[in-house]
Amino acid sequence: MKDYLPNSDPLYDRVIAALETVRPYLQVDGGDCQLIGITKEMQVDVKLLGACGSCPMSTLTLRAGVEQAIKKAIPEITRVESV
């Protein structure tokens, strides 16, 4: 099991705020994403939900949409992964 930062870490609020900026675009196509955790290595783990979970373009959505939004808002984040 991964070692995640505690949910009380202020970084969580910043990541959630960044996810909220892309969430409407995911929901238009019947998808969504959920924050799973942030590792000490500054990797954000998310779960793609709904249509995003089974879409063949989900990797592109993750990299070009979700990851870019998070890294733009929080430059110290190194990577976003779907779990």
PDB file of N, CA and C in Angstrom:
ATOM      1  N   MET A   1       0.836  -1.186   0.000  1.00  0.00           N
ATOM      2  CA  MET A   1       0.000   0.000   0.000  1.00  0.00           C
ATOM      3  C   MET A   1       0.878   1.245   0.000  1.00  0.00           C
ATOM      4  N   LYS A   2       0.478   2.244  -0.744  1.00  0.00           N
ATOM      5  CA  LYS A   2       1.250   3.477  -0.844  1.00  0.00           C
ATOM      6  C   LYS A   2       1.141   4.291   0.432  1.00  0.00           C
ATOM      7  N   ASP A   3       2.193   5.050   0.673  1.00  0.00           N
ATOM      8  CA  ASP A   3       2.237   5.943   1.827  1.00  0.00           C
ATOM      9  C   ASP A   3       1.799   7.328   1.363  1.00  0.00           C
ATOM     10  N   TYR A   4       0.572   7.714   1.708  1.00  0.00           N
ATOM     11  CA  TYR A   4       0.013   8.997   1.290  1.00  0.00           C
ATOM     12  C   TYR A   4       0.164  10.042   2.378  1.00  0.00           C
ATOM     13  N   LEU A   5       0.237  11.306   1.936  1.00  0.00           N
ATOM     14  CA  LEU A   5       0.203  12.412   2.878  1.00  0.00           C
ATOM     15  C   LEU A   5      -1.146  12.397   3.581  1.00  0.00           C
ATOM     16  N   PRO A   6      -1.235  12.899   4.814  1.00  0.00           N
ATOM     17  CA  PRO A   6      -2.526  12.927   5.506  1.00  0.00           C
ATOM     18  C   PRO A   6      -3.521  13.844   4.796  1.00  0.00           C
ATOM     19  N   ASN A   7      -4.802  13.483   4.867  1.00  0.00           N
ATOM     20  CA  ASN A   7      -5.856  14.279   4.227  1.00  0.00           C
ATOM     21  C   ASN A   7      -5.895  15.707   4.756  1.00  0.00           C
ATOM     22  N   SER A   8      -5.352  15.934   5.936  1.00  0.00           N
ATOM     23  CA  SER A   8      -5.364  17.273   6.526  1.00  0.00           C
ATOM     24  C   SER A   8      -4.276  18.178   5.947  1.00  0.00           C
ATOM     25  N   ASP A   9      -3.392  17.632   5.119  1.00  0.00           N
ATOM     26  CA  ASP A   9      -2.323  18.430   4.517  1.00  0.00           C
ATOM     27  C   ASP A   9      -2.949  19.504   3.622  1.00  0.00           C
ATOM     28  N   PRO A  10      -2.495  20.753   3.719  1.00  0.00           N
ATOM     29  CA  PRO A  10      -3.074  21.837   2.912  1.00  0.00           C
ATOM     30  C   PRO A  10      -2.971  21.585   1.399  1.00  0.00           C
ATOM     31  N   LEU A  11      -2.061  20.735   0.998  1.00  0.00           N
ATOM     32  CA  LEU A  11      -1.905  20.404  -0.409  1.00  0.00           C
ATOM     33  C   LEU A  11      -3.165  19.748  -0.965  1.00  0.00           C
ATOM     34  N   TYR A  12      -3.878  18.997  -0.130  1.00  0.00           N
ATOM     35  CA  TYR A  12      -5.112  18.339  -0.568  1.00  0.00           C
ATOM     36  C   TYR A  12      -6.128  19.349  -1.093  1.00  0.00           C
ATOM     37  N   ASP A  13      -6.309  20.437  -0.372  1.00  0.00           N
ATOM     38  CA  ASP A  13      -7.277  21.452  -0.797  1.00  0.00           C
ATOM     39  C   ASP A  13      -6.877  22.060  -2.138  1.00  0.00           C
ATOM     40  N   ARG A  14      -5.593  22.261  -2.340  1.00  0.00           N
ATOM     41  CA  ARG A  14      -5.120  22.822  -3.606  1.00  0.00           C
ATOM     42  C   ARG A  14      -5.342  21.855  -4.765  1.00  0.00           C
ATOM     43  N   VAL A  15      -5.097  20.561  -4.527  1.00  0.00           N
ATOM     44  CA  VAL A  15      -5.307  19.563  -5.577  1.00  0.00           C
ATOM     45  C   VAL A  15      -6.800  19.436  -5.890  1.00  0.00           C
ATOM     46  N   ILE A  16      -7.621  19.424  -4.868  1.00  0.00           N
ATOM     47  CA  ILE A  16      -9.070  19.329  -5.086  1.00  0.00           C
ATOM     48  C   ILE A  16      -9.565  20.539  -5.877  1.00  0.00           C
ATOM     49  N   ALA A  17      -9.060  21.721  -5.556  1.00  0.00           N
ATOM     50  CA  ALA A  17      -9.449  22.919  -6.303  1.00  0.00           C
ATOM     51  C   ALA A  17      -9.042  22.810  -7.768  1.00  0.00           C
ATOM     52  N   ALA A  18      -7.859  22.261  -8.036  1.00  0.00           N
ATOM     53  CA  ALA A  18      -7.416  22.076  -9.420  1.00  0.00           C
ATOM     54  C   ALA A  18      -8.287  21.045 -10.132  1.00  0.00           C
ATOM     55  N   LEU A  19      -8.662  19.984  -9.435  1.00  0.00           N
ATOM     56  CA  LEU A  19      -9.545  18.974 -10.033  1.00  0.00           C
ATOM     57  C   LEU A  19     -10.909  19.568 -10.372  1.00  0.00           C
ATOM     58  N   GLU A  20     -11.374  20.492  -9.549  1.00  0.00           N
ATOM     59  CA  GLU A  20     -12.675  21.122  -9.803  1.00  0.00           C
ATOM     60  C   GLU A  20     -12.684  21.914 -11.105  1.00  0.00           C
ATOM     61  N   THR A  21     -11.517  22.369 -11.553  1.00  0.00           N
ATOM     62  CA  THR A  21     -11.461  23.121 -12.808  1.00  0.00           C
ATOM     63  C   THR A  21     -11.648  22.230 -14.026  1.00  0.00           C
ATOM     64  N   VAL A  22     -11.279  20.953 -13.925  1.00  0.00           N
ATOM     65  CA  VAL A  22     -11.434  20.036 -15.070  1.00  0.00           C
ATOM     66  C   VAL A  22     -12.663  19.140 -14.948  1.00  0.00           C
ATOM     67  N   ARG A  23     -13.196  19.043 -13.759  1.00  0.00           N
ATOM     68  CA  ARG A  23     -14.340  18.150 -13.523  1.00  0.00           C
ATOM     69  C   ARG A  23     -15.524  18.412 -14.461  1.00  0.00           C
ATOM     70  N   PRO A  24     -15.915  19.666 -14.732  1.00  0.00           N
ATOM     71  CA  PRO A  24     -17.052  19.894 -15.647  1.00  0.00           C
ATOM     72  C   PRO A  24     -16.827  19.306 -17.039  1.00  0.00           C
ATOM     73  N   TYR A  25     -15.599  19.350 -17.531  1.00  0.00           N
ATOM     74  CA  TYR A  25     -15.295  18.800 -18.855  1.00  0.00           C
ATOM     75  C   TYR A  25     -15.418  17.276 -18.859  1.00  0.00           C
ATOM     76  N   LEU A  26     -15.028  16.660 -17.767  1.00  0.00           N
ATOM     77  CA  LEU A  26     -15.159  15.200 -17.653  1.00  0.00           C
ATOM     78  C   LEU A  26     -16.629  14.809 -17.545  1.00  0.00           C
ATOM     79  N   GLN A  27     -17.382  15.575 -16.775  1.00  0.00           N
ATOM     80  CA  GLN A  27     -18.786  15.248 -16.538  1.00  0.00           C
ATOM     81  C   GLN A  27     -19.648  15.414 -17.789  1.00  0.00           C
ATOM     82  N   VAL A  28     -19.264  16.308 -18.687  1.00  0.00           N
ATOM     83  CA  VAL A  28     -20.009  16.495 -19.935  1.00  0.00           C
ATOM     84  C   VAL A  28     -20.048  15.188 -20.724  1.00  0.00           C
ATOM     85  N   ASP A  29     -18.977  14.417 -20.656  1.00  0.00           N
ATOM     86  CA  ASP A  29     -18.890  13.157 -21.389  1.00  0.00           C
ATOM     87  C   ASP A  29     -19.263  11.955 -20.526  1.00  0.00           C
ATOM     88  N   GLY A  30     -19.865  12.190 -19.373  1.00  0.00           N
ATOM     89  CA  GLY A  30     -20.303  11.091 -18.515  1.00  0.00           C
ATOM     90  C   GLY A  30     -19.224  10.528 -17.612  1.00  0.00           C
ATOM     91  N   GLY A  31     -18.165  11.275 -17.405  1.00  0.00           N
ATOM     92  CA  GLY A  31     -17.074  10.802 -16.550  1.00  0.00           C
ATOM     93  C   GLY A  31     -16.883  11.691 -15.340  1.00  0.00           C
ATOM     94  N   ASP A  32     -15.851  11.373 -14.589  1.00  0.00           N
ATOM     95  CA  ASP A  32     -15.484  12.154 -13.410  1.00  0.00           C
ATOM     96  C   ASP A  32     -14.147  11.620 -12.915  1.00  0.00           C
ATOM     97  N   CYS A  33     -13.600  12.240 -11.882  1.00  0.00           N
ATOM     98  CA  CYS A  33     -12.380  11.734 -11.264  1.00  0.00           C
ATOM     99  C   CYS A  33     -12.454  11.960  -9.759  1.00  0.00           C
ATOM    100  N   GLN A  34     -11.736  11.117  -9.057  1.00  0.00           N
ATOM    101  CA  GLN A  34     -11.729  11.153  -7.595  1.00  0.00           C
ATOM    102  C   GLN A  34     -10.286  11.160  -7.126  1.00  0.00           C
ATOM    103  N   LEU A  35      -9.962  12.036  -6.196  1.00  0.00           N
ATOM    104  CA  LEU A  35      -8.627  12.065  -5.605  1.00  0.00           C
ATOM    105  C   LEU A  35      -8.473  10.884  -4.665  1.00  0.00           C
ATOM    106  N   ILE A  36      -7.454  10.072  -4.905  1.00  0.00           N
ATOM    107  CA  ILE A  36      -7.163   8.927  -4.039  1.00  0.00           C
ATOM    108  C   ILE A  36      -6.147   9.318  -2.975  1.00  0.00           C
ATOM    109  N   GLY A  37      -5.093  10.020  -3.390  1.00  0.00           N
ATOM    110  CA  GLY A  37      -4.088  10.434  -2.425  1.00  0.00           C
ATOM    111  C   GLY A  37      -2.921  11.137  -3.083  1.00  0.00           C
ATOM    112  N   ILE A  38      -2.059  11.686  -2.249  1.00  0.00           N
ATOM    113  CA  ILE A  38      -0.843  12.355  -2.703  1.00  0.00           C
ATOM    114  C   ILE A  38       0.317  11.692  -1.965  1.00  0.00           C
ATOM    115  N   THR A  39       1.267  11.161  -2.734  1.00  0.00           N
ATOM    116  CA  THR A  39       2.400  10.475  -2.112  1.00  0.00           C
ATOM    117  C   THR A  39       3.432  11.492  -1.631  1.00  0.00           C
ATOM    118  N   LYS A  40       4.347  11.026  -0.808  1.00  0.00           N
ATOM    119  CA  LYS A  40       5.421  11.886  -0.324  1.00  0.00           C
ATOM    120  C   LYS A  40       6.357  12.299  -1.452  1.00  0.00           C
ATOM    121  N   GLU A  41       6.319  11.556  -2.567  1.00  0.00           N
ATOM    122  CA  GLU A  41       7.101  11.889  -3.756  1.00  0.00           C
ATOM    123  C   GLU A  41       6.380  12.920  -4.618  1.00  0.00           C
ATOM    124  N   MET A  42       5.246  13.438  -4.113  1.00  0.00           N
ATOM    125  CA  MET A  42       4.442  14.463  -4.779  1.00  0.00           C
ATOM    126  C   MET A  42       3.758  13.936  -6.039  1.00  0.00           C
ATOM    127  N   GLN A  43       3.374  12.677  -6.001  1.00  0.00           N
ATOM    128  CA  GLN A  43       2.573  12.094  -7.075  1.00  0.00           C
ATOM    129  C   GLN A  43       1.122  12.075  -6.624  1.00  0.00           C
ATOM    130  N   VAL A  44       0.236  12.539  -7.485  1.00  0.00           N
ATOM    131  CA  VAL A  44      -1.195  12.540  -7.196  1.00  0.00           C
ATOM    132  C   VAL A  44      -1.799  11.295  -7.842  1.00  0.00           C
ATOM    133  N   ASP A  45      -2.504  10.508  -7.049  1.00  0.00           N
ATOM    134  CA  ASP A  45      -3.218   9.345  -7.564  1.00  0.00           C
ATOM    135  C   ASP A  45      -4.698   9.682  -7.630  1.00  0.00           C
ATOM    136  N   VAL A  46      -5.277   9.481  -8.812  1.00  0.00           N
ATOM    137  CA  VAL A  46      -6.699   9.721  -9.013  1.00  0.00           C
ATOM    138  C   VAL A  46      -7.337   8.456  -9.579  1.00  0.00           C
ATOM    139  N   LYS A  47      -8.635   8.383  -9.428  1.00  0.00           N
ATOM    140  CA  LYS A  47      -9.403   7.300 -10.036  1.00  0.00           C
ATOM    141  C   LYS A  47     -10.354   7.940 -11.039  1.00  0.00           C
ATOM    142  N   LEU A  48     -10.259   7.495 -12.297  1.00  0.00           N
ATOM    143  CA  LEU A  48     -11.175   7.973 -13.319  1.00  0.00           C
ATOM    144  C   LEU A  48     -12.471   7.184 -13.202  1.00  0.00           C
ATOM    145  N   LEU A  49     -13.577   7.882 -13.184  1.00  0.00           N
ATOM    146  CA  LEU A  49     -14.880   7.271 -12.941  1.00  0.00           C
ATOM    147  C   LEU A  49     -15.784   7.386 -14.161  1.00  0.00           C
ATOM    148  N   GLY A  50     -16.834   6.579 -14.172  1.00  0.00           N
ATOM    149  CA  GLY A  50     -17.838   6.644 -15.223  1.00  0.00           C
ATOM    150  C   GLY A  50     -17.233   6.355 -16.579  1.00  0.00           C
ATOM    151  N   ALA A  51     -17.632   7.126 -17.570  1.00  0.00           N
ATOM    152  CA  ALA A  51     -17.160   6.925 -18.940  1.00  0.00           C
ATOM    153  C   ALA A  51     -15.643   7.085 -19.048  1.00  0.00           C
ATOM    154  N   CYS A  52     -15.047   7.897 -18.201  1.00  0.00           N
ATOM    155  CA  CYS A  52     -13.596   8.102 -18.249  1.00  0.00           C
ATOM    156  C   CYS A  52     -12.831   6.837 -17.870  1.00  0.00           C
ATOM    157  N   GLY A  53     -13.413   6.023 -17.028  1.00  0.00           N
ATOM    158  CA  GLY A  53     -12.736   4.810 -16.583  1.00  0.00           C
ATOM    159  C   GLY A  53     -12.559   3.781 -17.680  1.00  0.00           C
ATOM    160  N   SER A  54     -13.430   3.788 -18.672  1.00  0.00           N
ATOM    161  CA  SER A  54     -13.356   2.780 -19.730  1.00  0.00           C
ATOM    162  C   SER A  54     -13.061   3.380 -21.107  1.00  0.00           C
ATOM    163  N   CYS A  55     -12.829   4.657 -21.173  1.00  0.00           N
ATOM    164  CA  CYS A  55     -12.604   5.337 -22.451  1.00  0.00           C
ATOM    165  C   CYS A  55     -11.206   5.038 -22.983  1.00  0.00           C
ATOM    166  N   PRO A  56     -11.087   4.741 -24.282  1.00  0.00           N
ATOM    167  CA  PRO A  56      -9.757   4.504 -24.855  1.00  0.00           C
ATOM    168  C   PRO A  56      -8.876   5.756 -24.855  1.00  0.00           C
ATOM    169  N   MET A  57      -9.469   6.922 -24.689  1.00  0.00           N
ATOM    170  CA  MET A  57      -8.718   8.175 -24.646  1.00  0.00           C
ATOM    171  C   MET A  57      -8.394   8.614 -23.221  1.00  0.00           C
ATOM    172  N   SER A  58      -8.624   7.748 -22.243  1.00  0.00           N
ATOM    173  CA  SER A  58      -8.445   8.144 -20.844  1.00  0.00           C
ATOM    174  C   SER A  58      -7.012   8.544 -20.518  1.00  0.00           C
ATOM    175  N   THR A  59      -6.023   7.925 -21.155  1.00  0.00           N
ATOM    176  CA  THR A  59      -4.630   8.308 -20.899  1.00  0.00           C
ATOM    177  C   THR A  59      -4.382   9.738 -21.365  1.00  0.00           C
ATOM    178  N   LEU A  60      -4.910  10.086 -22.528  1.00  0.00           N
ATOM    179  CA  LEU A  60      -4.772  11.455 -23.032  1.00  0.00           C
ATOM    180  C   LEU A  60      -5.493  12.441 -22.116  1.00  0.00           C
ATOM    181  N   THR A  61      -6.686  12.073 -21.683  1.00  0.00           N
ATOM    182  CA  THR A  61      -7.445  12.923 -20.760  1.00  0.00           C
ATOM    183  C   THR A  61      -6.662  13.133 -19.467  1.00  0.00           C
ATOM    184  N   LEU A  62      -6.067  12.059 -18.973  1.00  0.00           N
ATOM    185  CA  LEU A  62      -5.303  12.150 -17.724  1.00  0.00           C
ATOM    186  C   LEU A  62      -4.103  13.072 -17.895  1.00  0.00           C
ATOM    187  N   ARG A  63      -3.326  12.881 -18.941  1.00  0.00           N
ATOM    188  CA  ARG A  63      -2.094  13.661 -19.143  1.00  0.00           C
ATOM    189  C   ARG A  63      -2.376  15.103 -19.579  1.00  0.00           C
ATOM    190  N   ALA A  64      -3.202  15.261 -20.614  1.00  0.00           N
ATOM    191  CA  ALA A  64      -3.408  16.587 -21.196  1.00  0.00           C
ATOM    192  C   ALA A  64      -4.417  17.421 -20.418  1.00  0.00           C
ATOM    193  N   GLY A  65      -5.284  16.780 -19.675  1.00  0.00           N
ATOM    194  CA  GLY A  65      -6.309  17.511 -18.941  1.00  0.00           C
ATOM    195  C   GLY A  65      -6.032  17.583 -17.459  1.00  0.00           C
ATOM    196  N   VAL A  66      -6.176  16.453 -16.805  1.00  0.00           N
ATOM    197  CA  VAL A  66      -6.086  16.398 -15.341  1.00  0.00           C
ATOM    198  C   VAL A  66      -4.678  16.754 -14.856  1.00  0.00           C
ATOM    199  N   GLU A  67      -3.667  16.085 -15.398  1.00  0.00           N
ATOM    200  CA  GLU A  67      -2.302  16.332 -14.931  1.00  0.00           C
ATOM    201  C   GLU A  67      -1.871  17.774 -15.193  1.00  0.00           C
ATOM    202  N   GLN A  68      -2.160  18.299 -16.361  1.00  0.00           N
ATOM    203  CA  GLN A  68      -1.751  19.659 -16.681  1.00  0.00           C
ATOM    204  C   GLN A  68      -2.428  20.689 -15.772  1.00  0.00           C
ATOM    205  N   ALA A  69      -3.699  20.479 -15.474  1.00  0.00           N
ATOM    206  CA  ALA A  69      -4.413  21.407 -14.588  1.00  0.00           C
ATOM    207  C   ALA A  69      -3.816  21.391 -13.188  1.00  0.00           C
ATOM    208  N   ILE A  70      -3.505  20.205 -12.697  1.00  0.00           N
ATOM    209  CA  ILE A  70      -2.937  20.086 -11.349  1.00  0.00           C
ATOM    210  C   ILE A  70      -1.529  20.681 -11.307  1.00  0.00           C
ATOM    211  N   LYS A  71      -0.700  20.322 -12.281  1.00  0.00           N
ATOM    212  CA  LYS A  71       0.680  20.820 -12.286  1.00  0.00           C
ATOM    213  C   LYS A  71       0.747  22.332 -12.515  1.00  0.00           C
ATOM    214  N   LYS A  72      -0.196  22.882 -13.249  1.00  0.00           N
ATOM    215  CA  LYS A  72      -0.230  24.332 -13.447  1.00  0.00           C
ATOM    216  C   LYS A  72      -0.559  25.040 -12.132  1.00  0.00           C
ATOM    217  N   ALA A  73      -1.497  24.486 -11.379  1.00  0.00           N
ATOM    218  CA  ALA A  73      -1.903  25.081 -10.110  1.00  0.00           C
ATOM    219  C   ALA A  73      -0.902  24.802  -8.992  1.00  0.00           C
ATOM    220  N   ILE A  74      -0.250  23.639  -9.073  1.00  0.00           N
ATOM    221  CA  ILE A  74       0.661  23.206  -8.003  1.00  0.00           C
ATOM    222  C   ILE A  74       1.935  22.659  -8.644  1.00  0.00           C
ATOM    223  N   PRO A  75       2.890  23.520  -8.967  1.00  0.00           N
ATOM    224  CA  PRO A  75       4.098  23.095  -9.692  1.00  0.00           C
ATOM    225  C   PRO A  75       4.926  22.026  -8.981  1.00  0.00           C
ATOM    226  N   GLU A  76       4.796  21.909  -7.674  1.00  0.00           N
ATOM    227  CA  GLU A  76       5.595  20.915  -6.954  1.00  0.00           C
ATOM    228  C   GLU A  76       5.100  19.484  -7.178  1.00  0.00           C
ATOM    229  N   ILE A  77       3.918  19.319  -7.767  1.00  0.00           N
ATOM    230  CA  ILE A  77       3.421  17.986  -8.098  1.00  0.00           C
ATOM    231  C   ILE A  77       4.248  17.461  -9.265  1.00  0.00           C
ATOM    232  N   THR A  78       4.746  16.231  -9.138  1.00  0.00           N
ATOM    233  CA  THR A  78       5.635  15.673 -10.152  1.00  0.00           C
ATOM    234  C   THR A  78       4.900  14.847 -11.194  1.00  0.00           C
ATOM    235  N   ARG A  79       3.782  14.232 -10.817  1.00  0.00           N
ATOM    236  CA  ARG A  79       3.107  13.307 -11.719  1.00  0.00           C
ATOM    237  C   ARG A  79       1.689  13.056 -11.228  1.00  0.00           C
ATOM    238  N   VAL A  80       0.799  12.718 -12.159  1.00  0.00           N
ATOM    239  CA  VAL A  80      -0.559  12.304 -11.826  1.00  0.00           C
ATOM    240  C   VAL A  80      -0.764  10.921 -12.436  1.00  0.00           C
ATOM    241  N   GLU A  81      -1.233   9.978 -11.636  1.00  0.00           N
ATOM    242  CA  GLU A  81      -1.445   8.607 -12.090  1.00  0.00           C
ATOM    243  C   GLU A  81      -2.874   8.181 -11.837  1.00  0.00           C
ATOM    244  N   SER A  82      -3.389   7.362 -12.720  1.00  0.00           N
ATOM    245  CA  SER A  82      -4.708   6.762 -12.531  1.00  0.00           C
ATOM    246  C   SER A  82      -4.518   5.411 -11.839  1.00  0.00           C
ATOM    247  N   VAL A  83      -5.261   5.203 -10.795  1.00  0.00           N
ATOM    248  CA  VAL A  83      -5.169   3.926 -10.056  1.00  0.00           C
ATOM    249  C   VAL A  83      -6.484   3.181 -10.086  1.00  0.00           C
TER     250      VAL A  83
END
